[in-house]
Amino acid sequence: MDRRSYLQAVGAGGVVSLAGCGGAAPTDEEPTASVRSLTLAATTTINDSGLLDELTPGFTRAFGPEVNTVVRGTGGALRTARNGDCDVVLVHARSLEDAFLRAGEGTNRRTVMVNDFLVVGPPDDPAGIAGSPPVTAFRDIASAEAAFLSRGDRSGTHIRERQLWSEAGVDPTGDWYGETGQGMGNTLSLAAETGSYTLTDRGTFLNVAGGDLAAHVDRGIEDPGPLLRNEYAVIPVNPGRHDVAYPLAMAFTGHLTGPAQDAIEEFRIDGEAVFRPVTRSESPEFGQYVPSDWR
């Protein structure tokens, strides 16, 4: 099935497991689904936190096209883009993003927002990590061989977790360490069921975990430090490589770095702010670039 037929089959505006890219130029004929819609590959944390539902309707109201969303970890989202199966990505792993850009697969990266990572676990805190720096907490979890669940999926959260283990000088192996291969929401649910620690973003933790897990390492969203700072960026897929709806992707980039900044700032879970906008532009196409060494 070609991309256009696929989008017509699944319809516009929903969350799908795989979607094609629109890229055909408008004509005098009745527009097809691929012209009417934009395909976004977004990370599970943006979806599981509930923020995604606040970002896409405003784009549709302003520009008209519906947004088809592919929800995957950052590694999966970028793989979707490399396969030509989306128009734009919204991700949070700078090392993977830079490799994607160097390979010529994406263009015009813009930082959109930041939040932070937390180390969460059983309320009784068997490894005694409450209030510790993140590297110390990871080292103490390993020393105690306390149960830890990793996403194990090349997501932005998984990439940061591996960085923390490396900083701690630990190669996590053994019965105490497991991988779910799933998104953040499901991993948190499994951590609660099994009494395990895990690394999570703030938004998904607040939206999913309830009182079954406690945040033992939480430096606060305003100044989490470089190891817990979690930066999200939007990257249009390179139209020189793939048949994509590039003008719509750039319009979506402009939406996220312009009008949607207010929605990001106002988004709350139980009254708590969980994302901070960091880019604001009056332009409908372009945002202000924030360099990678802005920490």
Protein backbone atom coordinates (compact mmCIF):
# COMPACT_ATOMS: atom_id res chain seq x y z
CA MET A 1 0.00 0.00 0.00
CA ASP A 2 1.45 3.41 -0.93
CA ARG A 3 1.64 6.32 1.53
CA ARG A 4 -1.41 8.14 0.21
CA SER A 5 -3.62 5.04 0.27
CA TYR A 6 -2.44 4.23 3.77
CA LEU A 7 -3.40 7.63 5.14
CA GLN A 8 -6.77 7.43 3.44
CA ALA A 9 -7.28 4.05 5.08
CA VAL A 10 -6.40 5.10 8.62
CA GLY A 11 -7.99 8.55 8.44
CA ALA A 12 -6.54 11.81 9.68
CA GLY A 13 -6.00 13.11 13.18
CA GLY A 14 -5.43 9.89 15.12
CA VAL A 15 -2.50 8.17 16.76
CA VAL A 16 -1.24 5.42 14.47
CA SER A 17 1.52 2.86 14.67
CA LEU A 18 2.94 3.80 11.30
CA ALA A 19 1.99 6.61 8.93
CA GLY A 20 3.20 7.91 5.61
CA CYS A 21 4.44 11.33 4.75
CA GLY A 22 2.47 13.82 2.80
CA GLY A 23 4.42 15.60 0.16
CA ALA A 24 2.35 16.16 -2.95
CA ALA A 25 1.79 19.72 -4.09
CA PRO A 26 -1.79 21.03 -3.97
CA THR A 27 -3.72 20.91 -7.24
CA ASP A 28 -7.14 21.94 -8.46
CA GLU A 29 -8.40 18.44 -7.69
CA GLU A 30 -9.98 17.39 -4.40
CA PRO A 31 -7.08 17.30 -1.90
CA THR A 32 -6.00 13.87 -0.73
CA ALA A 33 -5.41 12.84 2.88
CA SER A 34 -1.65 13.23 2.42
CA VAL A 35 -2.11 16.89 1.48
CA ARG A 36 -4.58 17.57 4.25
CA SER A 37 -2.49 16.03 7.03
CA LEU A 38 0.91 16.24 8.67
CA THR A 39 2.62 13.15 10.07
CA LEU A 40 4.48 13.73 13.34
CA ALA A 41 6.74 11.18 15.05
CA ALA A 42 6.73 12.14 18.74
CA THR A 43 8.26 10.63 21.85
CA THR A 44 6.19 8.62 24.29
CA THR A 45 6.91 11.07 27.12
CA ILE A 46 5.16 13.92 25.31
CA ASN A 47 2.19 11.67 24.65
CA ASP A 48 2.07 9.96 28.06
CA SER A 49 2.31 13.27 29.91
CA GLY A 50 -0.78 14.54 28.05
CA LEU A 51 1.02 17.53 26.53
CA LEU A 52 0.69 16.31 22.93
CA ASP A 53 -3.09 16.72 23.10
CA GLU A 54 -2.52 20.40 23.92
CA LEU A 55 -0.10 21.07 21.05
CA THR A 56 -1.61 19.59 17.90
CA PRO A 57 -5.17 21.05 17.94
CA GLY A 58 -3.81 24.60 17.88
CA PHE A 59 -1.82 23.80 14.75
CA THR A 60 -4.90 22.41 13.04
CA ARG A 61 -6.94 25.48 13.97
CA ALA A 62 -4.24 27.84 12.67
CA PHE A 63 -3.14 26.01 9.52
CA GLY A 64 -5.94 23.55 8.69
CA PRO A 65 -4.16 20.18 8.34
CA GLU A 66 -4.86 17.39 10.79
CA VAL A 67 -1.89 15.82 12.58
CA ASN A 68 -1.33 12.06 12.38
CA THR A 69 0.91 11.04 15.26
CA VAL A 70 3.37 8.14 15.48
CA VAL A 71 4.25 7.67 19.18
CA ARG A 72 7.65 6.07 19.77
CA GLY A 73 10.83 6.58 21.74
CA THR A 74 13.30 9.03 20.26
CA GLY A 75 15.31 6.28 18.56
CA GLY A 76 12.15 4.87 17.00
CA ALA A 77 10.87 8.30 16.00
CA LEU A 78 14.13 9.12 14.22
CA ARG A 79 14.10 5.71 12.53
CA THR A 80 10.58 6.49 11.29
CA ALA A 81 11.94 9.72 9.81
CA ARG A 82 14.93 8.00 8.21
CA ASN A 83 12.49 5.60 6.55
CA GLY A 84 10.58 8.54 5.11
CA ASP A 85 7.45 7.70 7.10
CA CYS A 86 6.88 11.07 8.78
CA ASP A 87 7.23 14.75 7.99
CA VAL A 88 8.61 16.04 11.29
CA VAL A 89 9.86 14.67 14.62
CA LEU A 90 9.56 15.91 18.21
CA VAL A 91 12.30 14.21 20.23
CA HIS A 92 14.67 14.53 23.21
CA ALA A 93 18.10 12.94 22.80
CA ARG A 94 20.65 15.44 21.51
CA SER A 95 23.31 12.88 20.59
CA LEU A 96 20.85 10.97 18.39
CA GLU A 97 19.48 14.22 16.96
CA ASP A 98 22.96 15.43 16.03
CA ALA A 99 23.72 12.14 14.27
CA PHE A 100 20.40 12.42 12.41
CA LEU A 101 21.27 15.97 11.30
CA ARG A 102 24.87 15.10 10.32
CA ALA A 103 23.52 12.30 8.13
CA GLY A 104 21.41 14.86 6.28
CA GLU A 105 18.10 13.31 7.31
CA GLY A 106 16.73 16.41 9.04
CA THR A 107 17.02 20.17 8.85
CA ASN A 108 16.22 23.33 10.83
CA ARG A 109 16.30 21.82 14.32
CA ARG A 110 14.68 24.06 16.93
CA THR A 111 14.64 23.62 20.70
CA VAL A 112 11.04 23.78 21.92
CA MET A 113 11.02 23.19 25.68
CA VAL A 114 12.71 21.51 28.62
CA ASN A 115 11.66 19.57 31.65
CA ASP A 116 13.63 17.25 33.91
CA PHE A 117 14.33 13.65 34.77
CA LEU A 118 13.57 12.10 38.16
CA VAL A 119 14.79 8.92 39.81
CA VAL A 120 11.70 7.29 41.27
CA GLY A 121 11.07 4.08 43.14
CA PRO A 122 9.27 2.34 45.99
CA PRO A 123 8.12 4.76 48.72
CA ASP A 124 10.16 2.87 51.34
CA ASP A 125 13.35 3.57 49.31
CA PRO A 126 15.25 0.29 49.93
CA ALA A 127 18.50 1.66 48.42
CA GLY A 128 18.37 4.82 50.56
CA ILE A 129 18.83 7.25 47.67
CA ALA A 130 16.40 10.00 48.70
CA GLY A 131 17.97 13.42 48.23
CA SER A 132 21.17 12.05 46.66
CA PRO A 133 22.80 13.45 43.53
CA PRO A 134 21.78 11.36 40.51
CA VAL A 135 25.14 9.66 40.00
CA THR A 136 25.35 8.72 43.69
CA ALA A 137 21.79 7.40 43.56
CA PHE A 138 22.58 5.15 40.61
CA ARG A 139 25.74 3.87 42.31
CA ASP A 140 23.82 3.11 45.52
CA ILE A 141 21.03 1.30 43.64
CA ALA A 142 23.65 -0.95 42.03
CA SER A 143 25.48 -1.52 45.34
CA ALA A 144 22.24 -2.56 47.01
CA GLU A 145 21.20 -4.58 43.94
CA ALA A 146 17.80 -2.94 44.31
CA ALA A 147 15.39 -3.71 41.49
CA PHE A 148 15.72 -1.26 38.60
CA LEU A 149 13.70 -1.15 35.38
CA SER A 150 15.15 0.37 32.25
CA ARG A 151 13.13 1.23 29.16
CA GLY A 152 15.83 -0.40 27.05
CA ASP A 153 14.40 1.11 23.87
CA ARG A 154 16.93 3.73 22.65
CA SER A 155 14.54 6.46 23.77
CA GLY A 156 15.78 9.79 25.08
CA THR A 157 15.16 8.55 28.62
CA HIS A 158 17.08 5.34 27.98
CA ILE A 159 20.02 7.25 26.48
CA ARG A 160 20.16 9.47 29.59
CA GLU A 161 19.90 6.45 31.89
CA ARG A 162 22.89 4.84 30.17
CA GLN A 163 24.81 8.09 30.60
CA LEU A 164 24.08 8.07 34.33
CA TRP A 165 25.28 4.47 34.71
CA SER A 166 28.45 5.41 32.86
CA GLU A 167 29.00 8.45 35.11
CA ALA A 168 28.50 6.15 38.11
CA GLY A 169 31.10 3.68 36.79
CA VAL A 170 28.53 0.88 36.76
CA ASP A 171 27.75 -1.67 34.06
CA PRO A 172 24.26 -2.72 35.21
CA THR A 173 23.85 -6.49 34.99
CA GLY A 174 22.27 -9.15 37.13
CA ASP A 175 18.84 -10.19 38.28
CA TRP A 176 18.19 -6.77 39.85
CA TYR A 177 18.33 -4.96 36.46
CA GLY A 178 15.63 -5.43 33.85
CA GLU A 179 14.49 -3.84 30.58
CA THR A 180 10.87 -3.35 29.57
CA GLY A 181 11.32 -2.38 25.91
CA GLN A 182 8.25 -0.19 26.40
CA GLY A 183 7.29 3.47 26.67
CA MET A 184 7.52 5.60 29.78
CA GLY A 185 3.94 5.16 30.98
CA ASN A 186 4.08 1.36 30.79
CA THR A 187 7.54 1.28 32.37
CA LEU A 188 6.31 3.33 35.33
CA SER A 189 3.33 1.01 35.77
CA LEU A 190 5.63 -2.02 35.76
CA ALA A 191 8.01 -0.33 38.22
CA ALA A 192 5.11 0.25 40.60
CA GLU A 193 3.96 -3.37 40.27
CA THR A 194 7.44 -4.81 40.88
CA GLY A 195 8.75 -2.34 43.48
CA SER A 196 11.52 -1.13 41.18
CA TYR A 197 13.41 2.09 40.68
CA THR A 198 13.46 3.77 37.28
CA LEU A 199 14.40 7.00 35.52
CA THR A 200 11.46 9.03 34.25
CA ASP A 201 10.53 12.45 32.96
CA ARG A 202 8.51 14.61 35.33
CA GLY A 203 5.41 14.89 33.14
CA THR A 204 4.77 11.19 32.67
CA PHE A 205 5.52 10.49 36.33
CA LEU A 206 2.91 12.98 37.50
CA ASN A 207 0.35 11.81 34.93
CA VAL A 208 0.77 8.07 35.42
CA ALA A 209 2.45 7.01 38.66
CA GLY A 210 -0.03 8.21 41.29
CA GLY A 211 1.10 7.35 44.82
CA ASP A 212 2.64 3.98 43.95
CA LEU A 213 6.10 5.44 43.34
CA ALA A 214 8.00 8.24 45.06
CA ALA A 215 10.39 10.75 43.49
CA HIS A 216 13.61 10.18 45.44
CA VAL A 217 15.93 12.29 43.24
CA ASP A 218 14.20 15.52 42.22
CA ARG A 219 16.25 18.70 41.86
CA GLY A 220 13.31 20.74 40.55
CA ILE A 221 12.33 21.76 37.05
CA GLU A 222 13.84 25.25 37.27
CA ASP A 223 17.45 24.14 37.81
CA PRO A 224 17.81 20.35 37.49
CA GLY A 225 21.47 20.44 36.50
CA PRO A 226 22.96 19.08 33.26
CA LEU A 227 22.48 15.38 34.07
CA LEU A 228 18.75 15.72 34.74
CA ARG A 229 17.92 18.48 32.24
CA ASN A 230 15.64 17.12 29.50
CA GLU A 231 15.54 19.13 26.26
CA TYR A 232 12.94 18.60 23.51
CA ALA A 233 13.43 19.67 19.89
CA VAL A 234 11.44 19.68 16.67
CA ILE A 235 13.19 18.64 13.43
CA PRO A 236 11.57 18.70 9.98
CA VAL A 237 12.59 15.78 7.76
CA ASN A 238 14.88 16.78 4.89
CA PRO A 239 12.81 17.15 1.69
CA GLY A 240 15.96 16.50 -0.32
CA ARG A 241 15.98 12.94 1.01
CA HIS A 242 12.31 12.07 1.33
CA ASP A 243 8.92 12.91 -0.17
CA VAL A 244 7.62 14.96 2.77
CA ALA A 245 5.19 17.79 3.41
CA TYR A 246 8.04 20.18 4.16
CA PRO A 247 6.05 23.46 4.17
CA LEU A 248 3.65 21.93 6.69
CA ALA A 249 6.58 20.62 8.76
CA MET A 250 8.06 24.12 8.87
CA ALA A 251 4.67 25.58 9.76
CA PHE A 252 4.46 23.07 12.62
CA THR A 253 7.97 24.08 13.72
CA GLY A 254 6.84 27.70 13.72
CA HIS A 255 3.74 26.77 15.69
CA LEU A 256 5.76 25.00 18.40
CA THR A 257 8.29 27.84 18.70
CA GLY A 258 5.62 30.54 18.53
CA PRO A 259 1.96 30.29 19.62
CA ALA A 260 2.33 26.86 21.27
CA GLN A 261 4.87 28.26 23.73
CA ASP A 262 1.96 29.64 25.73
CA ALA A 263 0.28 26.22 25.82
CA ILE A 264 3.53 24.65 27.02
CA GLU A 265 3.94 27.25 29.76
CA GLU A 266 0.33 26.88 30.90
CA PHE A 267 0.26 23.07 30.88
CA ARG A 268 -0.25 21.64 34.37
CA ILE A 269 -0.71 18.26 36.01
CA ASP A 270 -2.45 18.53 39.37
CA GLY A 271 -1.51 22.20 39.37
CA GLU A 272 2.21 21.55 38.81
CA ALA A 273 4.17 22.92 35.84
CA VAL A 274 6.00 20.11 34.05
CA PHE A 275 7.54 21.79 30.98
CA ARG A 276 9.30 25.11 30.43
CA PRO A 277 9.19 26.81 27.03
CA VAL A 278 12.62 28.00 25.97
CA THR A 279 12.07 29.37 22.45
CA ARG A 280 9.59 32.02 21.44
CA SER A 281 9.21 33.50 17.98
CA GLU A 282 6.80 35.87 16.28
CA SER A 283 7.55 34.22 12.94
CA PRO A 284 5.18 31.52 11.63
CA GLU A 285 8.07 29.61 10.04
CA PHE A 286 11.17 29.90 12.16
CA GLY A 287 12.18 29.85 15.83
CA GLN A 288 15.29 30.96 17.63
CA TYR A 289 18.07 28.37 17.62
CA VAL A 290 19.36 27.35 21.03
CA PRO A 291 22.84 25.79 20.80
CA SER A 292 23.59 22.35 22.24
CA ASP A 293 25.97 23.72 24.90
CA TRP A 294 23.17 25.77 26.51
CA ARG A 295 22.99 23.89 29.81
